[in-house]
Amino acid sequence: MMLEDVTKRLESFGYEVTEADNWMIEFLIQKIENSIKADCNINTIPEELHEIAVDMVVGEFLLNKKSRGQLEGFDLEAAVKQIHEGDTSVTFAIGDGSKTPEERLDELILYLMNYGKRKFAAYRCIKW
C-alpha cells in the first residue's frame, strides 16, 4: 500500500514513475519506516503517520533524483503551485521571478521531508 501511495503522490507532482524507480522507492520506504520506528521507539507505523511517511519518502526520492541529475522532464510548475495539508497551506512563488525553479523545487523537497515530524512526539514510547 505504501508503494502505491508513494507512486500516486509522485505522479500528483508531475513525476512519471518508471519500473526502474521501484527499487529505490522500496528502499526509501524501508529507510523512512525504520527511521520513524527508531525515533518513536515503536514496532509499527501508526495509521495517523502514514501520510507523513509517504511525503518523507517522496521528498527523499526527489532529493536523490535531483542530486544525481535525473529529474529530467519533471514538471516543476505542476509540482509546486500550492499544497494544502489539513489546516496548513503552502504556496510557492510562481511567476513572480523571486525564485528560480530549482529554489522552488528545493523548498518542496524540504517541506516533504520535514512537515509533520513534530507529530512523532504523540507516538513516542519511553525506552528503558
Foldseek 3Di string as FASTA:
>chain_A
DLLVLLCVLLVQLQDHDDPVCSVLLVVLLVVLQVVLCVVQVHDGDDPVCSQLSSLQSNLVSLVVCVVVVNCPRGDLCSRQQKDDDPPDIDGDDDPPPPDDSVVSSVVSSVCSNDPPPVVSVVRHDDDD
